[in-house]
Amino acid sequence: MADSALTKQRLADALKELMQTRSLARISVGDITAHCGINRQTFYYHFKDKYDLVGWIYSTETLPFMGSFSDRAHWTDGLRDLCLYVQQNKKFYVNALNTPGQNSFEEYLTQFLQSLISSLIETESGGRIAREDRAFIADFYAFAFVGLVMKWARGGMKEDPAYYVGRIRELINGSLLRELEKYK
C-alpha cells in the first residue's frame, strides 16, 4: 500500500475507533489526528474535512460489495454481504446513519442505488424507457430499498441479513421486473 493510502487508512481507523464511543458531531479533526499521531496539515492534505474522510471510508469499505450489485442474477449476494459487513461494524455505521446531511451513508447508498437501478432498467428495457421514467423508477426503488436498510440498521440489525435481503429480493424482483415487462 502506498504511503498516501496508508495515511488515509490510519486516519480512517482513528475515526472509526473514536466513533465507537462518540458521535461524529462530537469528533474534531484534532481528535482524529491526535488519536493516530498524524498532524492536522497531513489530514488536510488528504481530506477537506471529517465528512470527506467519512465519505472515503464508505467508498473504500463498501466498494468490494458494490460490484456484485451490477450482476442481476447475484445482486442480492452483494446486498447480503454489504449488510453483514455493516452489521460487523455496527457501532460505526449506526453512528454514521445517525449523521444526516452531506456525505451521509444514507445519501451515499441512495446515489449508488439510483445509478445502479437506472443502468439495470436501461439494460433490461433495451433503452425503450424514457430518461424521466427511468429516473422516477430508479428513485422509487432506491429510496424504498435504502429506507428498508435504514430501518433494519436503526432497529439494531437484529434480523439475519440473508433473511432480510431475501424479503427485499422477493418484493423488488416481483414489482420491478413486472414494471419493466410493460416496456418489452
N, C-alpha and C. Protein backbone atom coordinates (compact mmCIF):
# COMPACT_ATOMS: atom_id res chain seq x y z
N MET A 1 0.85 -1.17 0.00
CA MET A 1 0.00 0.00 0.00
C MET A 1 0.90 1.24 0.00
N ALA A 2 0.60 2.21 -0.84
CA ALA A 2 1.39 3.44 -0.93
C ALA A 2 1.23 4.26 0.35
N ASP A 3 2.21 5.14 0.59
CA ASP A 3 2.18 5.96 1.81
C ASP A 3 0.88 6.74 1.95
N SER A 4 0.39 7.32 0.85
CA SER A 4 -0.84 8.09 0.90
C SER A 4 -2.01 7.21 1.34
N ALA A 5 -2.09 6.02 0.79
CA ALA A 5 -3.17 5.09 1.15
C ALA A 5 -3.05 4.66 2.61
N LEU A 6 -1.82 4.45 3.06
CA LEU A 6 -1.60 4.07 4.47
C LEU A 6 -2.02 5.19 5.41
N THR A 7 -1.69 6.41 5.04
CA THR A 7 -2.06 7.56 5.87
C THR A 7 -3.58 7.69 5.93
N LYS A 8 -4.22 7.59 4.78
CA LYS A 8 -5.69 7.66 4.76
C LYS A 8 -6.30 6.56 5.62
N GLN A 9 -5.74 5.37 5.53
CA GLN A 9 -6.27 4.26 6.32
C GLN A 9 -6.07 4.49 7.82
N ARG A 10 -4.93 5.05 8.20
CA ARG A 10 -4.70 5.36 9.62
C ARG A 10 -5.71 6.37 10.13
N LEU A 11 -5.98 7.39 9.32
CA LEU A 11 -6.97 8.40 9.70
C LEU A 11 -8.37 7.77 9.79
N ALA A 12 -8.68 6.91 8.84
CA ALA A 12 -9.98 6.23 8.85
C ALA A 12 -10.12 5.34 10.08
N ASP A 13 -9.08 4.58 10.37
CA ASP A 13 -9.12 3.71 11.55
C ASP A 13 -9.29 4.52 12.83
N ALA A 14 -8.61 5.66 12.90
CA ALA A 14 -8.73 6.52 14.08
C ALA A 14 -10.17 7.03 14.23
N LEU A 15 -10.75 7.50 13.12
CA LEU A 15 -12.12 7.99 13.19
C LEU A 15 -13.08 6.87 13.59
N LYS A 16 -12.91 5.71 13.01
CA LYS A 16 -13.79 4.59 13.35
C LYS A 16 -13.66 4.20 14.83
N GLU A 17 -12.45 4.24 15.35
CA GLU A 17 -12.26 3.94 16.78
C GLU A 17 -12.94 5.00 17.64
N LEU A 18 -12.79 6.26 17.28
CA LEU A 18 -13.42 7.34 18.05
C LEU A 18 -14.95 7.24 17.99
N MET A 19 -15.47 6.81 16.84
CA MET A 19 -16.92 6.71 16.68
C MET A 19 -17.52 5.52 17.43
N GLN A 20 -16.69 4.71 18.05
CA GLN A 20 -17.19 3.63 18.90
C GLN A 20 -17.81 4.20 20.17
N THR A 21 -17.35 5.38 20.58
CA THR A 21 -17.81 5.95 21.84
C THR A 21 -18.40 7.35 21.72
N ARG A 22 -18.23 8.00 20.55
CA ARG A 22 -18.74 9.36 20.38
C ARG A 22 -19.42 9.50 19.03
N SER A 23 -20.36 10.43 18.97
CA SER A 23 -21.00 10.71 17.69
C SER A 23 -20.02 11.49 16.81
N LEU A 24 -20.25 11.42 15.53
CA LEU A 24 -19.39 12.13 14.58
C LEU A 24 -19.40 13.64 14.87
N ALA A 25 -20.55 14.16 15.28
CA ALA A 25 -20.66 15.59 15.57
C ALA A 25 -19.73 16.02 16.71
N ARG A 26 -19.40 15.11 17.61
CA ARG A 26 -18.56 15.43 18.76
C ARG A 26 -17.08 15.12 18.53
N ILE A 27 -16.73 14.75 17.31
CA ILE A 27 -15.33 14.44 16.98
C ILE A 27 -14.78 15.52 16.06
N SER A 28 -13.63 16.04 16.43
CA SER A 28 -12.99 17.08 15.61
C SER A 28 -11.84 16.48 14.81
N VAL A 29 -11.38 17.23 13.83
CA VAL A 29 -10.20 16.81 13.07
C VAL A 29 -9.02 16.66 14.03
N GLY A 30 -8.92 17.55 15.01
CA GLY A 30 -7.86 17.46 16.01
C GLY A 30 -7.92 16.15 16.80
N ASP A 31 -9.14 15.72 17.13
CA ASP A 31 -9.30 14.44 17.84
C ASP A 31 -8.79 13.28 16.98
N ILE A 32 -9.13 13.32 15.71
CA ILE A 32 -8.73 12.24 14.79
C ILE A 32 -7.22 12.19 14.66
N THR A 33 -6.61 13.35 14.41
CA THR A 33 -5.16 13.38 14.20
C THR A 33 -4.40 13.03 15.48
N ALA A 34 -4.89 13.48 16.62
CA ALA A 34 -4.23 13.15 17.88
C ALA A 34 -4.32 11.64 18.15
N HIS A 35 -5.44 11.06 17.81
CA HIS A 35 -5.66 9.64 18.06
C HIS A 35 -4.70 8.75 17.27
N CYS A 36 -4.32 9.21 16.08
CA CYS A 36 -3.44 8.36 15.26
C CYS A 36 -2.03 8.93 15.11
N GLY A 37 -1.75 10.06 15.77
CA GLY A 37 -0.40 10.61 15.75
C GLY A 37 0.01 11.23 14.43
N ILE A 38 -0.94 11.78 13.73
CA ILE A 38 -0.67 12.46 12.45
C ILE A 38 -1.03 13.93 12.63
N ASN A 39 -0.25 14.83 12.03
CA ASN A 39 -0.56 16.25 12.23
C ASN A 39 -1.74 16.70 11.36
N ARG A 40 -2.33 17.82 11.76
CA ARG A 40 -3.52 18.34 11.09
C ARG A 40 -3.27 18.65 9.62
N GLN A 41 -2.10 19.20 9.31
CA GLN A 41 -1.79 19.53 7.92
C GLN A 41 -1.82 18.29 7.04
N THR A 42 -1.33 17.19 7.57
CA THR A 42 -1.35 15.93 6.81
C THR A 42 -2.80 15.51 6.56
N PHE A 43 -3.63 15.68 7.58
CA PHE A 43 -5.05 15.37 7.41
C PHE A 43 -5.61 16.19 6.24
N TYR A 44 -5.37 17.50 6.26
CA TYR A 44 -5.94 18.37 5.23
C TYR A 44 -5.29 18.18 3.86
N TYR A 45 -4.14 17.57 3.83
CA TYR A 45 -3.53 17.22 2.55
C TYR A 45 -4.36 16.12 1.87
N HIS A 46 -4.96 15.25 2.66
CA HIS A 46 -5.72 14.11 2.13
C HIS A 46 -7.23 14.33 2.08
N PHE A 47 -7.76 15.10 3.02
CA PHE A 47 -9.21 15.27 3.12
C PHE A 47 -9.57 16.73 3.38
N LYS A 48 -10.73 17.16 2.87
CA LYS A 48 -11.20 18.52 3.10
C LYS A 48 -11.65 18.73 4.54
N ASP A 49 -12.33 17.72 5.08
CA ASP A 49 -12.86 17.79 6.44
C ASP A 49 -13.20 16.36 6.90
N LYS A 50 -13.76 16.25 8.08
CA LYS A 50 -14.07 14.91 8.60
C LYS A 50 -15.15 14.21 7.78
N TYR A 51 -16.02 14.99 7.16
CA TYR A 51 -17.08 14.39 6.34
C TYR A 51 -16.51 13.81 5.05
N ASP A 52 -15.48 14.44 4.54
CA ASP A 52 -14.78 13.90 3.37
C ASP A 52 -14.12 12.57 3.73
N LEU A 53 -13.55 12.49 4.92
CA LEU A 53 -12.96 11.24 5.41
C LEU A 53 -14.04 10.16 5.54
N VAL A 54 -15.18 10.52 6.08
CA VAL A 54 -16.28 9.56 6.22
C VAL A 54 -16.70 9.05 4.84
N GLY A 55 -16.81 9.94 3.87
CA GLY A 55 -17.14 9.54 2.50
C GLY A 55 -16.12 8.58 1.93
N TRP A 56 -14.85 8.83 2.22
CA TRP A 56 -13.78 7.94 1.76
C TRP A 56 -13.93 6.55 2.40
N ILE A 57 -14.28 6.53 3.67
CA ILE A 57 -14.49 5.25 4.36
C ILE A 57 -15.62 4.49 3.67
N TYR A 58 -16.75 5.16 3.41
CA TYR A 58 -17.86 4.49 2.74
C TYR A 58 -17.42 3.88 1.42
N SER A 59 -16.78 4.71 0.61
CA SER A 59 -16.44 4.23 -0.74
C SER A 59 -15.41 3.11 -0.72
N THR A 60 -14.42 3.19 0.15
CA THR A 60 -13.39 2.14 0.15
C THR A 60 -13.89 0.87 0.83
N GLU A 61 -14.69 0.99 1.86
CA GLU A 61 -15.15 -0.20 2.57
C GLU A 61 -16.29 -0.92 1.87
N THR A 62 -17.10 -0.19 1.16
CA THR A 62 -18.24 -0.84 0.50
C THR A 62 -17.95 -1.22 -0.94
N LEU A 63 -16.88 -0.71 -1.51
CA LEU A 63 -16.55 -0.99 -2.91
C LEU A 63 -16.50 -2.48 -3.24
N PRO A 64 -15.90 -3.32 -2.39
CA PRO A 64 -15.86 -4.75 -2.73
C PRO A 64 -17.25 -5.38 -2.90
N PHE A 65 -18.25 -4.83 -2.24
CA PHE A 65 -19.60 -5.39 -2.31
C PHE A 65 -20.39 -4.83 -3.50
N MET A 66 -20.02 -3.64 -3.93
CA MET A 66 -20.80 -2.95 -4.96
C MET A 66 -20.73 -3.63 -6.32
N GLY A 67 -19.64 -4.30 -6.63
CA GLY A 67 -19.53 -4.98 -7.91
C GLY A 67 -20.59 -6.05 -8.08
N SER A 68 -20.96 -6.71 -7.00
CA SER A 68 -21.98 -7.77 -7.06
C SER A 68 -23.36 -7.21 -7.40
N PHE A 69 -23.59 -5.95 -7.07
CA PHE A 69 -24.90 -5.36 -7.30
C PHE A 69 -25.22 -5.24 -8.78
N SER A 70 -24.22 -5.07 -9.62
CA SER A 70 -24.48 -4.85 -11.04
C SER A 70 -24.80 -6.14 -11.79
N ASP A 71 -24.66 -7.26 -11.15
CA ASP A 71 -24.99 -8.55 -11.76
C ASP A 71 -26.42 -8.91 -11.35
N ARG A 72 -27.33 -8.84 -12.30
CA ARG A 72 -28.75 -9.04 -11.98
C ARG A 72 -29.01 -10.37 -11.26
N ALA A 73 -28.29 -11.39 -11.64
CA ALA A 73 -28.51 -12.71 -11.04
C ALA A 73 -28.01 -12.80 -9.60
N HIS A 74 -27.04 -11.96 -9.24
CA HIS A 74 -26.41 -12.09 -7.92
C HIS A 74 -26.43 -10.81 -7.09
N TRP A 75 -27.28 -9.85 -7.45
CA TRP A 75 -27.27 -8.58 -6.72
C TRP A 75 -27.59 -8.77 -5.25
N THR A 76 -28.41 -9.76 -4.93
CA THR A 76 -28.76 -9.96 -3.52
C THR A 76 -27.57 -10.49 -2.72
N ASP A 77 -26.64 -11.19 -3.38
CA ASP A 77 -25.43 -11.63 -2.68
C ASP A 77 -24.63 -10.41 -2.22
N GLY A 78 -24.50 -9.43 -3.11
CA GLY A 78 -23.79 -8.21 -2.76
C GLY A 78 -24.47 -7.46 -1.63
N LEU A 79 -25.79 -7.39 -1.70
CA LEU A 79 -26.55 -6.72 -0.65
C LEU A 79 -26.41 -7.44 0.68
N ARG A 80 -26.53 -8.76 0.66
CA ARG A 80 -26.39 -9.54 1.89
C ARG A 80 -25.00 -9.33 2.48
N ASP A 81 -23.96 -9.42 1.64
CA ASP A 81 -22.59 -9.25 2.12
C ASP A 81 -22.36 -7.84 2.66
N LEU A 82 -22.94 -6.84 2.00
CA LEU A 82 -22.83 -5.47 2.49
C LEU A 82 -23.51 -5.34 3.85
N CYS A 83 -24.70 -5.90 3.98
CA CYS A 83 -25.42 -5.84 5.27
C CYS A 83 -24.66 -6.58 6.36
N LEU A 84 -24.06 -7.71 6.03
CA LEU A 84 -23.23 -8.43 7.01
C LEU A 84 -22.05 -7.57 7.44
N TYR A 85 -21.42 -6.90 6.48
CA TYR A 85 -20.28 -6.04 6.80
C TYR A 85 -20.71 -4.88 7.70
N VAL A 86 -21.83 -4.26 7.35
CA VAL A 86 -22.36 -3.17 8.17
C VAL A 86 -22.68 -3.69 9.57
N GLN A 87 -23.25 -4.88 9.65
CA GLN A 87 -23.59 -5.48 10.94
C GLN A 87 -22.32 -5.75 11.77
N GLN A 88 -21.25 -6.20 11.12
CA GLN A 88 -19.99 -6.46 11.82
C GLN A 88 -19.33 -5.17 12.30
N ASN A 89 -19.63 -4.06 11.64
CA ASN A 89 -19.09 -2.75 12.00
C ASN A 89 -20.22 -1.85 12.50
N LYS A 90 -21.07 -2.45 13.27
CA LYS A 90 -22.33 -1.86 13.71
C LYS A 90 -22.19 -0.48 14.35
N LYS A 91 -21.29 -0.34 15.30
CA LYS A 91 -21.19 0.95 16.02
C LYS A 91 -20.87 2.09 15.07
N PHE A 92 -19.92 1.86 14.18
CA PHE A 92 -19.55 2.91 13.23
C PHE A 92 -20.73 3.25 12.32
N TYR A 93 -21.36 2.24 11.73
CA TYR A 93 -22.41 2.51 10.75
C TYR A 93 -23.69 3.02 11.38
N VAL A 94 -24.05 2.57 12.57
CA VAL A 94 -25.22 3.15 13.24
C VAL A 94 -24.94 4.62 13.55
N ASN A 95 -23.74 4.92 14.02
CA ASN A 95 -23.35 6.30 14.26
C ASN A 95 -23.40 7.08 12.95
N ALA A 96 -22.86 6.50 11.89
CA ALA A 96 -22.86 7.18 10.58
C ALA A 96 -24.29 7.38 10.07
N LEU A 97 -25.15 6.40 10.27
CA LEU A 97 -26.53 6.52 9.82
C LEU A 97 -27.28 7.62 10.56
N ASN A 98 -26.86 7.90 11.77
CA ASN A 98 -27.48 8.95 12.56
C ASN A 98 -26.86 10.32 12.32
N THR A 99 -25.98 10.40 11.32
CA THR A 99 -25.37 11.67 10.93
C THR A 99 -26.01 12.11 9.63
N PRO A 100 -26.96 13.04 9.71
CA PRO A 100 -27.66 13.47 8.50
C PRO A 100 -26.81 14.41 7.66
N GLY A 101 -27.29 14.65 6.45
CA GLY A 101 -26.67 15.66 5.60
C GLY A 101 -25.67 15.11 4.61
N GLN A 102 -24.88 16.04 4.10
CA GLN A 102 -23.90 15.72 3.08
C GLN A 102 -22.94 14.63 3.57
N ASN A 103 -22.61 13.73 2.67
CA ASN A 103 -21.70 12.61 2.95
C ASN A 103 -22.28 11.61 3.95
N SER A 104 -23.60 11.60 4.11
CA SER A 104 -24.17 10.60 5.00
C SER A 104 -24.17 9.25 4.28
N PHE A 105 -24.18 8.19 5.05
CA PHE A 105 -24.20 6.85 4.45
C PHE A 105 -25.50 6.66 3.68
N GLU A 106 -26.57 7.20 4.20
CA GLU A 106 -27.87 7.11 3.52
C GLU A 106 -27.78 7.74 2.13
N GLU A 107 -27.20 8.92 2.06
CA GLU A 107 -27.05 9.62 0.78
C GLU A 107 -26.14 8.83 -0.17
N TYR A 108 -25.04 8.33 0.35
CA TYR A 108 -24.09 7.56 -0.45
C TYR A 108 -24.77 6.33 -1.05
N LEU A 109 -25.48 5.58 -0.23
CA LEU A 109 -26.14 4.36 -0.69
C LEU A 109 -27.26 4.68 -1.67
N THR A 110 -28.02 5.74 -1.41
CA THR A 110 -29.10 6.14 -2.30
C THR A 110 -28.57 6.49 -3.68
N GLN A 111 -27.52 7.31 -3.74
CA GLN A 111 -26.96 7.70 -5.04
C GLN A 111 -26.42 6.49 -5.80
N PHE A 112 -25.76 5.60 -5.09
CA PHE A 112 -25.24 4.40 -5.74
C PHE A 112 -26.39 3.58 -6.33
N LEU A 113 -27.44 3.36 -5.54
CA LEU A 113 -28.55 2.53 -6.00
C LEU A 113 -29.34 3.18 -7.12
N GLN A 114 -29.50 4.50 -7.09
CA GLN A 114 -30.18 5.18 -8.18
C GLN A 114 -29.45 4.93 -9.50
N SER A 115 -28.15 5.06 -9.46
CA SER A 115 -27.34 4.82 -10.66
C SER A 115 -27.43 3.37 -11.11
N LEU A 116 -27.30 2.46 -10.17
CA LEU A 116 -27.34 1.04 -10.48
C LEU A 116 -28.70 0.63 -11.07
N ILE A 117 -29.77 1.04 -10.42
CA ILE A 117 -31.11 0.66 -10.88
C ILE A 117 -31.40 1.29 -12.23
N SER A 118 -30.98 2.52 -12.42
CA SER A 118 -31.16 3.17 -13.72
C SER A 118 -30.45 2.39 -14.82
N SER A 119 -29.24 1.94 -14.55
CA SER A 119 -28.49 1.14 -15.53
C SER A 119 -29.19 -0.19 -15.80
N LEU A 120 -29.69 -0.81 -14.74
CA LEU A 120 -30.41 -2.08 -14.89
C LEU A 120 -31.65 -1.88 -15.76
N ILE A 121 -32.38 -0.81 -15.52
CA ILE A 121 -33.59 -0.52 -16.29
C ILE A 121 -33.22 -0.29 -17.75
N GLU A 122 -32.17 0.46 -17.98
CA GLU A 122 -31.70 0.73 -19.35
C GLU A 122 -31.38 -0.58 -20.07
N THR A 123 -30.66 -1.45 -19.39
CA THR A 123 -30.26 -2.74 -19.99
C THR A 123 -31.47 -3.63 -20.23
N GLU A 124 -32.30 -3.79 -19.21
CA GLU A 124 -33.44 -4.70 -19.30
C GLU A 124 -34.49 -4.24 -20.29
N SER A 125 -34.64 -2.94 -20.46
CA SER A 125 -35.67 -2.43 -21.36
C SER A 125 -35.14 -2.21 -22.77
N GLY A 126 -33.85 -2.41 -22.95
CA GLY A 126 -33.26 -2.17 -24.27
C GLY A 126 -33.32 -0.70 -24.65
N GLY A 127 -33.32 0.17 -23.65
CA GLY A 127 -33.34 1.61 -23.90
C GLY A 127 -34.70 2.16 -24.29
N ARG A 128 -35.75 1.38 -24.09
CA ARG A 128 -37.09 1.81 -24.51
C ARG A 128 -37.83 2.65 -23.45
N ILE A 129 -37.22 2.89 -22.34
CA ILE A 129 -37.87 3.69 -21.30
C ILE A 129 -37.26 5.09 -21.32
N ALA A 130 -38.13 6.09 -21.37
CA ALA A 130 -37.67 7.48 -21.39
C ALA A 130 -36.83 7.78 -20.15
N ARG A 131 -35.89 8.69 -20.30
CA ARG A 131 -34.98 9.03 -19.21
C ARG A 131 -35.74 9.47 -17.95
N GLU A 132 -36.80 10.27 -18.13
CA GLU A 132 -37.56 10.75 -16.96
C GLU A 132 -38.24 9.57 -16.25
N ASP A 133 -38.80 8.65 -17.01
CA ASP A 133 -39.45 7.48 -16.41
C ASP A 133 -38.41 6.59 -15.72
N ARG A 134 -37.28 6.41 -16.37
CA ARG A 134 -36.20 5.60 -15.79
C ARG A 134 -35.74 6.21 -14.47
N ALA A 135 -35.58 7.54 -14.45
CA ALA A 135 -35.15 8.22 -13.22
C ALA A 135 -36.20 8.07 -12.12
N PHE A 136 -37.48 8.18 -12.48
CA PHE A 136 -38.54 8.05 -11.49
C PHE A 136 -38.56 6.64 -10.89
N ILE A 137 -38.48 5.64 -11.74
CA ILE A 137 -38.48 4.24 -11.27
C ILE A 137 -37.25 3.98 -10.40
N ALA A 138 -36.09 4.46 -10.85
CA ALA A 138 -34.85 4.26 -10.08
C ALA A 138 -34.95 4.95 -8.72
N ASP A 139 -35.50 6.17 -8.70
CA ASP A 139 -35.67 6.87 -7.42
C ASP A 139 -36.58 6.08 -6.49
N PHE A 140 -37.70 5.62 -7.02
CA PHE A 140 -38.66 4.88 -6.20
C PHE A 140 -38.00 3.68 -5.53
N TYR A 141 -37.34 2.86 -6.32
CA TYR A 141 -36.74 1.64 -5.76
C TYR A 141 -35.53 1.93 -4.88
N ALA A 142 -34.74 2.92 -5.25
CA ALA A 142 -33.57 3.26 -4.42
C ALA A 142 -34.02 3.77 -3.05
N PHE A 143 -35.01 4.67 -3.03
CA PHE A 143 -35.48 5.19 -1.75
C PHE A 143 -36.17 4.11 -0.92
N ALA A 144 -36.92 3.24 -1.57
CA ALA A 144 -37.57 2.14 -0.84
C ALA A 144 -36.53 1.21 -0.24
N PHE A 145 -35.56 0.85 -1.05
CA PHE A 145 -34.51 -0.06 -0.61
C PHE A 145 -33.72 0.55 0.54
N VAL A 146 -33.28 1.79 0.38
CA VAL A 146 -32.48 2.45 1.42
C VAL A 146 -33.31 2.62 2.68
N GLY A 147 -34.58 2.95 2.53
CA GLY A 147 -35.45 3.07 3.70
C GLY A 147 -35.53 1.78 4.50
N LEU A 148 -35.62 0.66 3.80
CA LEU A 148 -35.66 -0.63 4.49
C LEU A 148 -34.34 -0.95 5.17
N VAL A 149 -33.24 -0.66 4.50
CA VAL A 149 -31.92 -0.90 5.10
C VAL A 149 -31.74 0.00 6.32
N MET A 150 -32.18 1.25 6.22
CA MET A 150 -32.06 2.18 7.35
C MET A 150 -32.90 1.68 8.53
N LYS A 151 -34.11 1.22 8.25
CA LYS A 151 -34.96 0.71 9.32
C LYS A 151 -34.30 -0.49 10.00
N TRP A 152 -33.74 -1.39 9.20
CA TRP A 152 -33.04 -2.56 9.74
C TRP A 152 -31.87 -2.12 10.61
N ALA A 153 -31.08 -1.18 10.12
CA ALA A 153 -29.90 -0.73 10.86
C ALA A 153 -30.29 -0.01 12.15
N ARG A 154 -31.24 0.90 12.04
CA ARG A 154 -31.65 1.67 13.22
C ARG A 154 -32.41 0.82 14.23
N GLY A 155 -32.94 -0.29 13.77
CA GLY A 155 -33.63 -1.22 14.66
C GLY A 155 -32.69 -2.17 15.36
N GLY A 156 -31.40 -1.94 15.21
CA GLY A 156 -30.41 -2.76 15.90
C GLY A 156 -29.86 -3.91 15.08
N MET A 157 -30.24 -3.99 13.80
CA MET A 157 -29.71 -5.02 12.90
C MET A 157 -29.95 -6.43 13.45
N LYS A 158 -31.12 -6.63 14.03
CA LYS A 158 -31.41 -7.90 14.69
C LYS A 158 -31.71 -9.03 13.70
N GLU A 159 -32.39 -8.70 12.61
CA GLU A 159 -32.72 -9.74 11.63
C GLU A 159 -31.46 -10.19 10.92
N ASP A 160 -31.43 -11.46 10.59
CA ASP A 160 -30.34 -12.02 9.81
C ASP A 160 -30.34 -11.34 8.44
N PRO A 161 -29.21 -10.79 8.00
CA PRO A 161 -29.18 -10.12 6.69
C PRO A 161 -29.67 -11.00 5.54
N ALA A 162 -29.37 -12.28 5.56
CA ALA A 162 -29.82 -13.17 4.47
C ALA A 162 -31.35 -13.22 4.41
N TYR A 163 -31.98 -13.30 5.57
CA TYR A 163 -33.44 -13.33 5.63
C TYR A 163 -34.01 -11.99 5.17
N TYR A 164 -33.46 -10.91 5.69
CA TYR A 164 -33.95 -9.57 5.37
C TYR A 164 -33.79 -9.28 3.88
N VAL A 165 -32.64 -9.60 3.34
CA VAL A 165 -32.37 -9.38 1.92
C VAL A 165 -33.27 -10.26 1.06
N GLY A 166 -33.54 -11.47 1.51
CA GLY A 166 -34.45 -12.35 0.78
C GLY A 166 -35.84 -11.74 0.65
N ARG A 167 -36.29 -11.11 1.68
CA ARG A 167 -37.61 -10.45 1.63
C ARG A 167 -37.59 -9.27 0.67
N ILE A 168 -36.50 -8.49 0.70
CA ILE A 168 -36.37 -7.37 -0.23
C ILE A 168 -36.33 -7.89 -1.66
N ARG A 169 -35.57 -8.96 -1.89
CA ARG A 169 -35.45 -9.54 -3.24
C ARG A 169 -36.82 -9.94 -3.78
N GLU A 170 -37.63 -10.59 -2.95
CA GLU A 170 -38.96 -11.01 -3.40
C GLU A 170 -39.79 -9.81 -3.84
N LEU A 171 -39.76 -8.75 -3.06
CA LEU A 171 -40.53 -7.56 -3.41
C LEU A 171 -40.01 -6.91 -4.69
N ILE A 172 -38.72 -6.70 -4.75
CA ILE A 172 -38.14 -5.98 -5.88
C ILE A 172 -38.21 -6.80 -7.16
N ASN A 173 -37.84 -8.06 -7.09
CA ASN A 173 -37.89 -8.88 -8.30
C ASN A 173 -39.30 -8.95 -8.87
N GLY A 174 -40.28 -9.08 -8.00
CA GLY A 174 -41.66 -9.14 -8.48
C GLY A 174 -42.12 -7.83 -9.09
N SER A 175 -41.99 -6.75 -8.37
CA SER A 175 -42.56 -5.49 -8.84
C SER A 175 -41.71 -4.80 -9.91
N LEU A 176 -40.41 -4.77 -9.75
CA LEU A 176 -39.57 -4.08 -10.73
C LEU A 176 -39.58 -4.82 -12.07
N LEU A 177 -39.43 -6.11 -12.03
CA LEU A 177 -39.42 -6.86 -13.29
C LEU A 177 -40.78 -6.81 -13.98
N ARG A 178 -41.85 -6.80 -13.19
CA ARG A 178 -43.19 -6.66 -13.77
C ARG A 178 -43.34 -5.29 -14.43
N GLU A 179 -42.81 -4.27 -13.79
CA GLU A 179 -42.85 -2.92 -14.35
C GLU A 179 -42.08 -2.86 -15.67
N LEU A 180 -40.92 -3.50 -15.72
CA LEU A 180 -40.10 -3.47 -16.93
C LEU A 180 -40.74 -4.26 -18.07
N GLU A 181 -41.55 -5.26 -17.75
CA GLU A 181 -42.23 -6.05 -18.78
C GLU A 181 -43.14 -5.17 -19.64
N LYS A 182 -43.66 -4.11 -19.07
CA LYS A 182 -44.54 -3.20 -19.81
C LYS A 182 -43.83 -2.59 -21.01
N TYR A 183 -42.52 -2.51 -20.94
CA TYR A 183 -41.76 -1.81 -21.98
C TYR A 183 -41.14 -2.76 -23.00
N LYS A 184 -41.40 -4.04 -22.87
CA LYS A 184 -40.81 -5.00 -23.83
C LYS A 184 -41.69 -5.20 -25.02
